[in-house]
Amino acid sequence: MYLNNSFSVLPKTEKVSNSTLVVLVLSSPSEVNLRKIFRESVCKYARTQSSVFFVLGSSYNTTEKTELDILEEEEKYGDIIRVKELIEHYHNVPLKILYSF
């Protein structure tokens, strides 16, 4: 009943295949710089059999620049999973986790 939204962005296929360990990081659309720092620190130590994905929803205050940044991230890294209809809110964290699975 609660999981009826579709994914607007999915990770690249090559990022998912051959992964024995998948790390899901809950993030909000506006945290572009935090995702960049995470990629430059933690993700660079990930091995070829592991994948790190950032799970995003939507926010009421998302600007057009942020939307363009997310699209750029998706093109460059291919590690974004986004449910655009899921509003970023504390009460929606369990739904975000369920969408991650």
N, C-alpha and C. Protein backbone atom coordinates (compact mmCIF):
# COMPACT_ATOMS: atom_id res chain seq x y z
N MET A 1 0.81 -1.19 0.00
CA MET A 1 0.00 0.00 0.00
C MET A 1 0.86 1.26 0.00
N TYR A 2 1.96 1.25 0.75
CA TYR A 2 2.79 2.44 0.86
C TYR A 2 3.88 2.50 -0.19
N LEU A 3 4.18 1.38 -0.80
CA LEU A 3 5.28 1.33 -1.76
C LEU A 3 4.76 1.33 -3.19
N ASN A 4 4.01 2.35 -3.55
CA ASN A 4 3.42 2.41 -4.88
C ASN A 4 4.07 3.45 -5.78
N ASN A 5 5.14 4.08 -5.34
CA ASN A 5 5.85 5.05 -6.17
C ASN A 5 6.88 4.34 -7.02
N SER A 6 7.17 4.90 -8.17
CA SER A 6 8.19 4.31 -9.03
C SER A 6 9.52 5.03 -8.82
N PHE A 7 10.57 4.39 -9.24
CA PHE A 7 11.90 4.98 -9.13
C PHE A 7 12.11 5.92 -10.31
N SER A 8 12.59 7.12 -10.04
CA SER A 8 12.86 8.05 -11.13
C SER A 8 14.30 7.96 -11.59
N VAL A 9 15.20 7.48 -10.73
CA VAL A 9 16.60 7.27 -11.09
C VAL A 9 17.05 5.96 -10.48
N LEU A 10 17.68 5.13 -11.28
CA LEU A 10 18.25 3.87 -10.80
C LEU A 10 19.74 3.85 -11.12
N PRO A 11 20.52 3.07 -10.37
CA PRO A 11 21.97 3.03 -10.63
C PRO A 11 22.29 2.33 -11.95
N LYS A 12 23.48 2.58 -12.44
CA LYS A 12 23.93 1.93 -13.67
C LYS A 12 24.08 0.43 -13.44
N THR A 13 23.77 -0.34 -14.45
CA THR A 13 23.78 -1.80 -14.35
C THR A 13 25.14 -2.33 -13.94
N GLU A 14 26.22 -1.78 -14.49
CA GLU A 14 27.56 -2.28 -14.16
C GLU A 14 27.92 -2.04 -12.70
N LYS A 15 27.25 -1.09 -12.04
CA LYS A 15 27.50 -0.85 -10.62
C LYS A 15 26.86 -1.93 -9.75
N VAL A 16 25.80 -2.54 -10.25
CA VAL A 16 25.05 -3.52 -9.47
C VAL A 16 25.57 -4.93 -9.69
N SER A 17 25.93 -5.26 -10.91
CA SER A 17 26.36 -6.62 -11.21
C SER A 17 27.70 -6.93 -10.55
N ASN A 18 27.89 -8.17 -10.20
CA ASN A 18 29.12 -8.67 -9.57
C ASN A 18 29.39 -8.08 -8.19
N SER A 19 28.38 -7.57 -7.52
CA SER A 19 28.57 -7.01 -6.18
C SER A 19 28.17 -8.05 -5.14
N THR A 20 29.09 -8.32 -4.22
CA THR A 20 28.77 -9.21 -3.11
C THR A 20 28.40 -8.40 -1.87
N LEU A 21 28.76 -7.13 -1.86
CA LEU A 21 28.41 -6.24 -0.77
C LEU A 21 27.81 -4.97 -1.35
N VAL A 22 26.62 -4.62 -0.89
CA VAL A 22 25.96 -3.40 -1.33
C VAL A 22 25.73 -2.53 -0.09
N VAL A 23 26.23 -1.30 -0.15
CA VAL A 23 26.07 -0.35 0.95
C VAL A 23 25.09 0.72 0.48
N LEU A 24 24.03 0.91 1.26
CA LEU A 24 23.02 1.91 0.93
C LEU A 24 23.14 3.07 1.91
N VAL A 25 23.31 4.27 1.38
CA VAL A 25 23.47 5.47 2.20
C VAL A 25 22.23 6.34 1.99
N LEU A 26 21.49 6.58 3.05
CA LEU A 26 20.32 7.46 2.95
C LEU A 26 20.80 8.90 2.89
N SER A 27 20.33 9.61 1.88
CA SER A 27 20.78 10.98 1.66
C SER A 27 19.58 11.80 1.22
N SER A 28 19.69 13.11 1.34
CA SER A 28 18.64 13.98 0.83
C SER A 28 19.17 14.70 -0.41
N PRO A 29 18.29 15.19 -1.26
CA PRO A 29 18.73 15.83 -2.50
C PRO A 29 19.72 16.98 -2.30
N SER A 30 19.56 17.74 -1.24
CA SER A 30 20.42 18.92 -1.03
C SER A 30 21.82 18.59 -0.54
N GLU A 31 22.09 17.34 -0.19
CA GLU A 31 23.39 16.96 0.38
C GLU A 31 24.41 16.60 -0.70
N VAL A 32 24.49 17.39 -1.73
CA VAL A 32 25.40 17.15 -2.85
C VAL A 32 26.85 17.11 -2.36
N ASN A 33 27.23 18.08 -1.54
CA ASN A 33 28.61 18.14 -1.06
C ASN A 33 28.95 16.98 -0.13
N LEU A 34 28.01 16.57 0.70
CA LEU A 34 28.26 15.44 1.59
C LEU A 34 28.46 14.15 0.80
N ARG A 35 27.68 13.96 -0.27
CA ARG A 35 27.87 12.77 -1.12
C ARG A 35 29.23 12.82 -1.80
N LYS A 36 29.65 14.00 -2.19
CA LYS A 36 30.97 14.15 -2.83
C LYS A 36 32.07 13.77 -1.83
N ILE A 37 31.98 14.27 -0.62
CA ILE A 37 32.98 13.94 0.41
C ILE A 37 32.97 12.45 0.70
N PHE A 38 31.81 11.84 0.79
CA PHE A 38 31.69 10.41 1.04
C PHE A 38 32.35 9.61 -0.07
N ARG A 39 32.12 10.02 -1.33
CA ARG A 39 32.74 9.32 -2.47
C ARG A 39 34.26 9.44 -2.43
N GLU A 40 34.76 10.62 -2.07
CA GLU A 40 36.20 10.85 -2.06
C GLU A 40 36.90 10.20 -0.87
N SER A 41 36.16 9.85 0.15
CA SER A 41 36.78 9.24 1.32
C SER A 41 36.44 7.75 1.41
N VAL A 42 35.24 7.42 1.76
CA VAL A 42 34.85 6.03 2.00
C VAL A 42 34.78 5.22 0.72
N CYS A 43 34.17 5.76 -0.31
CA CYS A 43 33.95 4.99 -1.55
C CYS A 43 35.24 4.64 -2.28
N LYS A 44 36.27 5.42 -2.12
CA LYS A 44 37.50 5.12 -2.85
C LYS A 44 38.17 3.86 -2.33
N TYR A 45 37.77 3.41 -1.13
CA TYR A 45 38.31 2.17 -0.59
C TYR A 45 37.43 0.96 -0.89
N ALA A 46 36.32 1.18 -1.56
CA ALA A 46 35.45 0.07 -1.92
C ALA A 46 36.13 -0.79 -2.98
N ARG A 47 35.99 -2.07 -2.84
CA ARG A 47 36.61 -3.00 -3.78
C ARG A 47 35.68 -3.26 -4.95
N THR A 48 36.17 -4.01 -5.92
CA THR A 48 35.38 -4.25 -7.11
C THR A 48 34.14 -5.09 -6.83
N GLN A 49 34.12 -5.86 -5.75
CA GLN A 49 32.95 -6.68 -5.43
C GLN A 49 31.94 -5.94 -4.55
N SER A 50 32.16 -4.67 -4.30
CA SER A 50 31.22 -3.92 -3.47
C SER A 50 30.73 -2.68 -4.22
N SER A 51 29.54 -2.25 -3.84
CA SER A 51 28.94 -1.06 -4.44
C SER A 51 28.33 -0.20 -3.36
N VAL A 52 28.43 1.11 -3.54
CA VAL A 52 27.83 2.07 -2.61
C VAL A 52 26.80 2.86 -3.41
N PHE A 53 25.57 2.92 -2.87
CA PHE A 53 24.49 3.66 -3.53
C PHE A 53 23.90 4.67 -2.56
N PHE A 54 23.50 5.80 -3.10
CA PHE A 54 22.87 6.86 -2.32
C PHE A 54 21.38 6.86 -2.65
N VAL A 55 20.55 6.75 -1.61
CA VAL A 55 19.10 6.69 -1.77
C VAL A 55 18.52 8.06 -1.45
N LEU A 56 17.82 8.64 -2.42
CA LEU A 56 17.27 9.98 -2.29
C LEU A 56 15.77 9.97 -2.51
N GLY A 57 15.09 10.88 -1.85
CA GLY A 57 13.69 11.16 -2.11
C GLY A 57 13.59 12.54 -2.73
N SER A 58 12.55 13.27 -2.38
CA SER A 58 12.36 14.64 -2.85
C SER A 58 12.12 15.55 -1.66
N SER A 59 12.37 16.82 -1.88
CA SER A 59 12.18 17.81 -0.83
C SER A 59 11.36 18.96 -1.39
N TYR A 60 10.61 19.60 -0.52
CA TYR A 60 9.81 20.74 -0.95
C TYR A 60 10.67 21.92 -1.37
N ASN A 61 11.86 22.02 -0.81
CA ASN A 61 12.71 23.18 -1.09
C ASN A 61 13.85 22.85 -2.06
N THR A 62 13.70 21.80 -2.86
CA THR A 62 14.73 21.45 -3.83
C THR A 62 14.72 22.47 -4.97
N THR A 63 15.87 23.05 -5.23
CA THR A 63 15.97 24.04 -6.29
C THR A 63 16.28 23.37 -7.62
N GLU A 64 16.15 24.12 -8.68
CA GLU A 64 16.46 23.60 -10.01
C GLU A 64 17.95 23.26 -10.12
N LYS A 65 18.80 24.05 -9.47
CA LYS A 65 20.23 23.76 -9.48
C LYS A 65 20.53 22.43 -8.81
N THR A 66 19.85 22.15 -7.69
CA THR A 66 20.04 20.87 -7.00
C THR A 66 19.61 19.72 -7.89
N GLU A 67 18.49 19.88 -8.58
CA GLU A 67 18.02 18.84 -9.50
C GLU A 67 19.05 18.58 -10.61
N LEU A 68 19.64 19.65 -11.12
CA LEU A 68 20.67 19.50 -12.16
C LEU A 68 21.92 18.83 -11.59
N ASP A 69 22.28 19.17 -10.35
CA ASP A 69 23.42 18.54 -9.69
C ASP A 69 23.21 17.04 -9.53
N ILE A 70 21.99 16.64 -9.17
CA ILE A 70 21.67 15.22 -9.01
C ILE A 70 21.78 14.50 -10.35
N LEU A 71 21.27 15.11 -11.40
CA LEU A 71 21.39 14.50 -12.73
C LEU A 71 22.85 14.36 -13.15
N GLU A 72 23.64 15.37 -12.83
CA GLU A 72 25.07 15.33 -13.14
C GLU A 72 25.77 14.22 -12.35
N GLU A 73 25.41 14.08 -11.08
CA GLU A 73 25.96 13.00 -10.26
C GLU A 73 25.61 11.64 -10.85
N GLU A 74 24.36 11.50 -11.26
CA GLU A 74 23.91 10.22 -11.84
C GLU A 74 24.71 9.88 -13.09
N GLU A 75 24.91 10.87 -13.94
CA GLU A 75 25.68 10.64 -15.16
C GLU A 75 27.14 10.29 -14.86
N LYS A 76 27.72 10.97 -13.90
CA LYS A 76 29.14 10.80 -13.60
C LYS A 76 29.42 9.53 -12.80
N TYR A 77 28.62 9.27 -11.76
CA TYR A 77 28.92 8.17 -10.84
C TYR A 77 28.00 6.97 -11.00
N GLY A 78 26.76 7.19 -11.38
CA GLY A 78 25.82 6.09 -11.55
C GLY A 78 25.46 5.38 -10.27
N ASP A 79 25.48 6.10 -9.14
CA ASP A 79 25.25 5.47 -7.85
C ASP A 79 24.06 6.07 -7.09
N ILE A 80 23.11 6.65 -7.83
CA ILE A 80 21.95 7.28 -7.23
C ILE A 80 20.73 6.39 -7.42
N ILE A 81 19.99 6.19 -6.34
CA ILE A 81 18.67 5.56 -6.39
C ILE A 81 17.70 6.61 -5.88
N ARG A 82 16.71 6.95 -6.70
CA ARG A 82 15.82 8.05 -6.30
C ARG A 82 14.36 7.69 -6.49
N VAL A 83 13.59 7.93 -5.45
CA VAL A 83 12.14 7.80 -5.51
C VAL A 83 11.61 9.23 -5.40
N LYS A 84 11.33 9.82 -6.54
CA LYS A 84 11.02 11.24 -6.58
C LYS A 84 9.74 11.60 -5.83
N GLU A 85 8.77 10.69 -5.77
CA GLU A 85 7.51 10.99 -5.10
C GLU A 85 7.60 10.83 -3.58
N LEU A 86 8.70 10.28 -3.08
CA LEU A 86 8.87 10.10 -1.64
C LEU A 86 9.45 11.38 -1.03
N ILE A 87 8.68 12.02 -0.18
CA ILE A 87 9.11 13.28 0.43
C ILE A 87 10.09 13.00 1.56
N GLU A 88 11.20 13.73 1.56
CA GLU A 88 12.20 13.61 2.62
C GLU A 88 11.60 14.14 3.93
N HIS A 89 11.37 13.22 4.84
CA HIS A 89 10.83 13.58 6.15
C HIS A 89 11.19 12.47 7.12
N TYR A 90 11.35 12.85 8.36
CA TYR A 90 11.71 11.89 9.41
C TYR A 90 10.76 10.70 9.44
N HIS A 91 9.48 10.94 9.25
CA HIS A 91 8.48 9.88 9.31
C HIS A 91 8.56 8.95 8.09
N ASN A 92 9.21 9.36 7.04
CA ASN A 92 9.32 8.54 5.83
C ASN A 92 10.61 7.73 5.76
N VAL A 93 11.45 7.80 6.77
CA VAL A 93 12.70 7.03 6.77
C VAL A 93 12.44 5.53 6.63
N PRO A 94 11.47 4.94 7.34
CA PRO A 94 11.21 3.51 7.13
C PRO A 94 10.82 3.17 5.69
N LEU A 95 10.03 4.04 5.07
CA LEU A 95 9.66 3.81 3.67
C LEU A 95 10.89 3.90 2.77
N LYS A 96 11.76 4.83 3.06
CA LYS A 96 12.98 4.99 2.27
C LYS A 96 13.84 3.73 2.37
N ILE A 97 13.91 3.17 3.55
CA ILE A 97 14.68 1.93 3.74
C ILE A 97 14.03 0.79 2.96
N LEU A 98 12.71 0.69 3.02
CA LEU A 98 12.01 -0.36 2.26
C LEU A 98 12.23 -0.20 0.75
N TYR A 99 12.18 1.02 0.26
CA TYR A 99 12.46 1.25 -1.16
C TYR A 99 13.89 0.85 -1.50
N SER A 100 14.80 1.03 -0.56
CA SER A 100 16.20 0.66 -0.80
C SER A 100 16.34 -0.82 -1.08
N PHE A 101 15.59 -1.62 -0.33
CA PHE A 101 15.65 -3.07 -0.55
C PHE A 101 14.99 -3.44 -1.85
